[in-house]
Amino acid sequence: MTDPMMSTEELARRLNEPGVKVVDASWHLDGRSGRAEYLQTRIPGAVFFDIDAVADRTTSLPHMLPDPAAFAAAAGALGVSERDTIVVYDTASMFAAARVWWTFRIMGARDVRVLDGGLQKWKREGRSLVHGEQTAAPVRFTPSFNTALVADFDAVLDTLLRSTRQVVDARPAARFRGEAPEPRAGLRGGHMPGARNVPASTLVAEDGTLRPDDELRAVFAAAGVDPMGPVTTTCGSGVTAAGLALALARLGNDRAAVYDGSWAEWGARSDAPIVKGGA
């Protein structure tokens, strides 16, 4: 499989190469505007992808996947096709970028990468930066929805009852154990019975890049997760869960499914089994 990451060095070499499209996916749980950051400072040629705008508008759950036709229209309007090499970055910890990486993959894009270290590393290295909106000529994005990469509530519940897949939760340990409150109001605390906890923060090195493969394997092993086995990832709202899928893909398992609704859905449902405590 293609490495899901791209180094800043490689992107700098390929930035003006035809067919290489750069996407800023910046998003913040605390409500800061990713678009405002994009307009202030971005990589040359980057267009902005808003996970809250390109989303299912029929649900109250945050940034759920849009239908393929709506996604294709949005991606095409940004000048991005499924045939391009798509390089996604964000301004923080790579997890919003991972969410957009997963979204493009599930919609049929053939070659999607996450910029290792994101905009922060790019800036530290003194690479070229610009500001303002990037205009792009519209193109056609032909979607091909990969149902194997996404899980809904019923699929996750069935997985837990039958123990057919590992369920791995990317939330911080205190939230996983039910000791810290959820940032979204009205959600119960705790975790799914049988789920394992790999906090997303443990996947990232001090310099903001994804940790080396041997360290990633050790992180998953410490949580009792076989990184090459069947996995469904989950988190608060489907963002850092995509970060787990990204790390698994880096290790060679590009088949992990993301529970799109994640705890925003599970923690709000009275029929969802929840336990507290644990690792």
Protein backbone atom coordinates (compact mmCIF):
# COMPACT_ATOMS: atom_id res chain seq x y z
CA MET A 1 0.00 0.00 0.00
CA THR A 2 1.03 3.65 -0.42
CA ASP A 3 2.51 5.31 2.65
CA PRO A 4 -0.33 7.45 4.07
CA MET A 5 2.17 10.12 5.17
CA MET A 6 4.17 12.60 3.15
CA SER A 7 7.20 14.41 4.55
CA THR A 8 7.57 18.17 4.35
CA GLU A 9 10.68 17.59 2.24
CA GLU A 10 8.75 15.60 -0.35
CA LEU A 11 5.88 18.07 -0.50
CA ALA A 12 8.32 20.95 -0.97
CA ARG A 13 9.82 19.09 -3.96
CA ARG A 14 6.43 18.27 -5.46
CA LEU A 15 4.46 21.40 -4.60
CA ASN A 16 4.18 22.64 -8.18
CA GLU A 17 3.84 19.19 -9.73
CA PRO A 18 0.68 18.73 -11.84
CA GLY A 19 -1.85 16.54 -10.06
CA VAL A 20 -0.57 17.29 -6.54
CA LYS A 21 -3.31 19.07 -4.59
CA VAL A 22 -2.80 20.46 -1.08
CA VAL A 23 -5.73 20.65 1.33
CA ASP A 24 -5.86 22.56 4.63
CA ALA A 25 -8.17 20.66 7.01
CA SER A 26 -7.68 22.76 10.15
CA TRP A 27 -10.42 22.31 12.76
CA HIS A 28 -10.54 22.76 16.54
CA LEU A 29 -12.82 21.25 19.18
CA ASP A 30 -12.71 24.51 21.16
CA GLY A 31 -14.43 26.40 18.35
CA ARG A 32 -11.46 28.30 16.96
CA SER A 33 -11.86 28.94 13.26
CA GLY A 34 -9.76 26.74 11.03
CA ARG A 35 -10.75 28.85 8.04
CA ALA A 36 -9.49 32.03 9.73
CA GLU A 37 -6.15 30.34 10.35
CA TYR A 38 -6.04 29.18 6.75
CA LEU A 39 -6.67 32.68 5.42
CA GLN A 40 -3.95 34.08 7.65
CA THR A 41 -1.22 31.50 6.86
CA ARG A 42 -1.24 28.57 4.47
CA ILE A 43 0.94 26.46 2.23
CA PRO A 44 1.03 27.78 -1.36
CA GLY A 45 -1.74 26.26 -3.46
CA ALA A 46 -3.70 24.91 -0.48
CA VAL A 47 -7.49 24.96 -0.57
CA PHE A 48 -9.59 24.79 2.60
CA PHE A 49 -11.81 21.80 3.44
CA ASP A 50 -14.36 22.48 6.21
CA ILE A 51 -15.43 19.25 7.93
CA ASP A 52 -18.44 20.98 9.49
CA ALA A 53 -19.66 22.40 6.17
CA VAL A 54 -19.02 19.34 3.98
CA ALA A 55 -21.15 17.10 6.19
CA ASP A 56 -24.53 15.45 6.59
CA ARG A 57 -26.97 18.27 7.34
CA THR A 58 -29.83 15.90 8.24
CA THR A 59 -28.39 14.95 11.64
CA SER A 60 -27.53 16.86 14.79
CA LEU A 61 -24.34 14.81 15.18
CA PRO A 62 -21.17 16.80 14.38
CA HIS A 63 -19.43 16.59 10.97
CA MET A 64 -20.93 13.27 9.92
CA LEU A 65 -20.01 12.04 6.45
CA PRO A 66 -21.96 13.69 3.64
CA ASP A 67 -23.50 11.60 0.91
CA PRO A 68 -21.09 10.86 -1.97
CA ALA A 69 -22.76 13.25 -4.40
CA ALA A 70 -22.52 16.19 -1.99
CA PHE A 71 -18.91 15.35 -1.21
CA ALA A 72 -18.04 15.06 -4.89
CA ALA A 73 -19.55 18.47 -5.59
CA ALA A 74 -17.58 20.06 -2.74
CA ALA A 75 -14.29 18.39 -3.65
CA GLY A 76 -14.72 19.20 -7.33
CA ALA A 77 -15.42 22.86 -6.50
CA LEU A 78 -12.06 22.92 -4.69
CA GLY A 79 -10.34 21.66 -7.82
CA VAL A 80 -9.64 18.21 -6.39
CA SER A 81 -10.38 14.97 -8.26
CA GLU A 82 -10.15 11.34 -7.19
CA ARG A 83 -7.16 10.90 -9.54
CA ASP A 84 -4.98 13.52 -7.83
CA THR A 85 -2.30 13.04 -5.22
CA ILE A 86 -4.01 14.79 -2.30
CA VAL A 87 -1.86 16.04 0.60
CA VAL A 88 -3.81 17.07 3.69
CA TYR A 89 -2.47 19.09 6.62
CA ASP A 90 -3.77 21.06 9.58
CA THR A 91 -2.41 23.62 12.02
CA ALA A 92 -2.47 21.42 15.12
CA SER A 93 -1.91 17.71 15.75
CA MET A 94 -2.65 16.08 12.35
CA PHE A 95 -5.94 14.58 13.54
CA ALA A 96 -8.24 16.93 11.64
CA ALA A 97 -6.04 16.19 8.63
CA ALA A 98 -6.48 12.47 9.34
CA ARG A 99 -10.26 12.92 9.34
CA VAL A 100 -10.13 14.51 5.88
CA TRP A 101 -7.62 11.86 4.71
CA TRP A 102 -10.12 9.19 5.74
CA THR A 103 -13.03 11.06 4.15
CA PHE A 104 -11.31 11.35 0.78
CA ARG A 105 -10.31 7.67 0.91
CA ILE A 106 -13.83 6.53 1.75
CA MET A 107 -15.13 8.58 -1.18
CA GLY A 108 -12.78 6.88 -3.64
CA ALA A 109 -9.66 9.06 -3.86
CA ARG A 110 -6.75 6.88 -4.96
CA ASP A 111 -3.75 8.60 -3.38
CA VAL A 112 -4.30 10.60 -0.19
CA ARG A 113 -1.52 11.53 2.23
CA VAL A 114 -1.23 13.44 5.50
CA LEU A 115 1.62 15.94 5.78
CA ASP A 116 3.81 14.58 8.57
CA GLY A 117 4.15 17.29 11.21
CA GLY A 118 1.59 19.51 9.50
CA LEU A 119 1.83 23.27 9.10
CA GLN A 120 3.82 23.64 12.32
CA LYS A 121 6.74 21.61 10.98
CA TRP A 122 6.50 23.33 7.59
CA LYS A 123 6.78 26.71 9.32
CA ARG A 124 9.64 25.63 11.61
CA GLU A 125 11.62 24.66 8.54
CA GLY A 126 11.16 28.13 7.04
CA ARG A 127 9.27 26.92 3.98
CA SER A 128 7.17 29.11 1.74
CA LEU A 129 3.91 30.49 3.14
CA VAL A 130 1.17 32.69 1.72
CA HIS A 131 -2.13 34.14 2.92
CA GLY A 132 -5.62 34.60 1.56
CA GLU A 133 -8.02 32.36 -0.34
CA GLN A 134 -6.79 29.97 -3.04
CA THR A 135 -8.95 29.96 -6.14
CA ALA A 136 -9.18 26.70 -8.09
CA ALA A 137 -10.71 25.74 -11.40
CA PRO A 138 -13.60 23.30 -10.75
CA VAL A 139 -13.02 19.69 -11.77
CA ARG A 140 -15.05 16.49 -11.69
CA PHE A 141 -14.67 14.22 -8.65
CA THR A 142 -16.16 10.79 -9.35
CA PRO A 143 -17.03 9.18 -6.00
CA SER A 144 -16.84 5.49 -5.15
CA PHE A 145 -18.02 4.98 -1.59
CA ASN A 146 -16.04 2.37 0.39
CA THR A 147 -18.51 1.07 2.99
CA ALA A 148 -15.82 -1.09 4.63
CA LEU A 149 -14.09 1.99 6.07
CA VAL A 150 -17.05 3.32 8.07
CA ALA A 151 -19.14 1.87 10.89
CA ASP A 152 -22.49 2.99 12.27
CA PHE A 153 -24.09 2.39 15.68
CA ASP A 154 -25.61 -0.97 14.80
CA ALA A 155 -22.38 -2.27 13.30
CA VAL A 156 -20.38 -1.29 16.39
CA LEU A 157 -22.96 -2.81 18.74
CA ASP A 158 -22.86 -6.06 16.74
CA THR A 159 -19.05 -6.00 16.83
CA LEU A 160 -19.10 -5.70 20.61
CA LEU A 161 -21.71 -8.44 21.11
CA ARG A 162 -19.99 -10.90 18.80
CA SER A 163 -16.35 -9.84 19.46
CA THR A 164 -15.65 -9.88 15.73
CA ARG A 165 -13.37 -6.83 15.69
CA GLN A 166 -11.22 -4.88 18.08
CA VAL A 167 -12.78 -1.57 19.10
CA VAL A 168 -10.14 1.07 19.90
CA ASP A 169 -11.04 4.39 21.53
CA ALA A 170 -8.82 7.44 20.91
CA ARG A 171 -10.18 9.62 23.74
CA PRO A 172 -7.93 10.61 26.67
CA ALA A 173 -7.72 7.95 29.38
CA ALA A 174 -9.70 9.92 31.98
CA ARG A 175 -12.63 10.32 29.59
CA PHE A 176 -12.40 6.67 28.55
CA ARG A 177 -12.64 5.62 32.20
CA GLY A 178 -15.51 8.03 32.87
CA GLU A 179 -13.48 10.07 35.35
CA ALA A 180 -13.46 13.29 33.30
CA PRO A 181 -16.52 14.93 31.74
CA GLU A 182 -17.13 14.89 28.03
CA PRO A 183 -16.64 18.26 26.29
CA ARG A 184 -20.06 17.97 24.65
CA ALA A 185 -22.99 18.51 27.01
CA GLY A 186 -25.47 15.74 27.71
CA LEU A 187 -23.21 12.75 27.13
CA ARG A 188 -22.71 9.94 29.61
CA GLY A 189 -19.15 9.13 30.64
CA GLY A 190 -17.28 5.85 30.24
CA HIS A 191 -16.60 3.56 27.31
CA MET A 192 -17.98 0.70 25.26
CA PRO A 193 -17.71 -2.74 26.88
CA GLY A 194 -14.58 -4.47 25.62
CA ALA A 195 -13.09 -1.37 23.98
CA ARG A 196 -9.38 -0.68 24.26
CA ASN A 197 -7.93 2.77 24.88
CA VAL A 198 -5.16 4.25 22.74
CA PRO A 199 -5.27 8.01 23.38
CA ALA A 200 -4.55 9.88 20.17
CA SER A 201 -1.88 11.97 21.88
CA THR A 202 0.26 8.85 22.33
CA LEU A 203 0.65 8.50 18.55
CA VAL A 204 2.51 11.78 18.07
CA ALA A 205 6.19 12.50 18.75
CA GLU A 206 7.41 15.65 20.50
CA ASP A 207 8.03 17.39 17.17
CA GLY A 208 4.43 16.82 16.06
CA THR A 209 5.20 14.04 13.58
CA LEU A 210 3.71 10.57 13.71
CA ARG A 211 5.86 8.35 15.92
CA PRO A 212 8.18 5.79 14.29
CA ASP A 213 6.64 2.44 13.37
CA ASP A 214 8.27 0.51 16.20
CA GLU A 215 6.97 3.00 18.74
CA LEU A 216 3.46 2.88 17.26
CA ARG A 217 3.49 -0.91 17.49
CA ALA A 218 4.53 -0.63 21.14
CA VAL A 219 1.70 1.82 21.88
CA PHE A 220 -0.90 -0.52 20.41
CA ALA A 221 0.63 -3.57 22.08
CA ALA A 222 0.54 -1.86 25.49
CA ALA A 223 -3.22 -1.40 25.03
CA GLY A 224 -3.71 -5.03 24.02
CA VAL A 225 -4.40 -4.18 20.37
CA ASP A 226 -3.20 -6.23 17.41
CA PRO A 227 -2.56 -3.47 14.85
CA MET A 228 -2.83 -5.88 11.93
CA GLY A 229 -6.14 -7.41 13.03
CA PRO A 230 -9.68 -6.18 12.27
CA VAL A 231 -10.19 -2.82 14.00
CA THR A 232 -12.98 -0.28 14.42
CA THR A 233 -11.82 3.04 15.83
CA THR A 234 -13.87 5.53 17.82
CA CYS A 235 -13.36 8.79 19.73
CA GLY A 236 -15.43 11.84 20.68
CA SER A 237 -16.82 12.72 17.26
CA GLY A 238 -14.89 10.76 14.64
CA VAL A 239 -11.84 13.03 14.30
CA THR A 240 -9.09 11.47 16.43
CA ALA A 241 -10.56 8.04 15.57
CA ALA A 242 -9.35 8.79 12.04
CA GLY A 243 -5.93 9.48 13.58
CA LEU A 244 -5.90 5.91 14.91
CA ALA A 245 -6.83 4.67 11.43
CA LEU A 246 -3.97 6.72 10.01
CA ALA A 247 -1.45 5.19 12.42
CA LEU A 248 -2.74 1.70 11.63
CA ALA A 249 -2.41 2.40 7.91
CA ARG A 250 1.18 3.52 8.50
CA LEU A 251 1.80 0.08 10.01
CA GLY A 252 0.27 -1.64 6.99
CA ASN A 253 -3.37 -2.07 8.06
CA ASP A 254 -5.39 0.20 5.78
CA ARG A 255 -8.66 -1.63 6.50
CA ALA A 256 -9.60 -0.03 9.84
CA ALA A 257 -13.16 1.27 10.01
CA VAL A 258 -14.05 4.53 11.78
CA TYR A 259 -17.24 4.77 13.83
CA ASP A 260 -18.52 8.02 12.39
CA GLY A 261 -20.91 8.93 15.19
CA SER A 262 -18.41 7.95 17.90
CA TRP A 263 -19.09 9.07 21.50
CA ALA A 264 -21.22 12.03 20.35
CA GLU A 265 -23.76 9.39 19.34
CA TRP A 266 -22.96 6.49 21.69
CA GLY A 267 -22.83 8.60 24.85
CA ALA A 268 -26.18 10.22 24.04
CA ARG A 269 -28.13 7.00 23.45
CA SER A 270 -29.91 5.33 26.36
CA ASP A 271 -29.72 1.96 24.59
CA ALA A 272 -25.93 2.05 24.24
CA PRO A 273 -24.09 -0.11 26.81
CA ILE A 274 -21.47 1.80 28.79
CA VAL A 275 -18.96 0.79 31.44
CA LYS A 276 -16.59 2.85 33.58
CA GLY A 277 -13.11 2.31 34.94
CA GLY A 278 -10.51 0.11 33.32
CA ALA A 279 -7.18 1.03 31.80
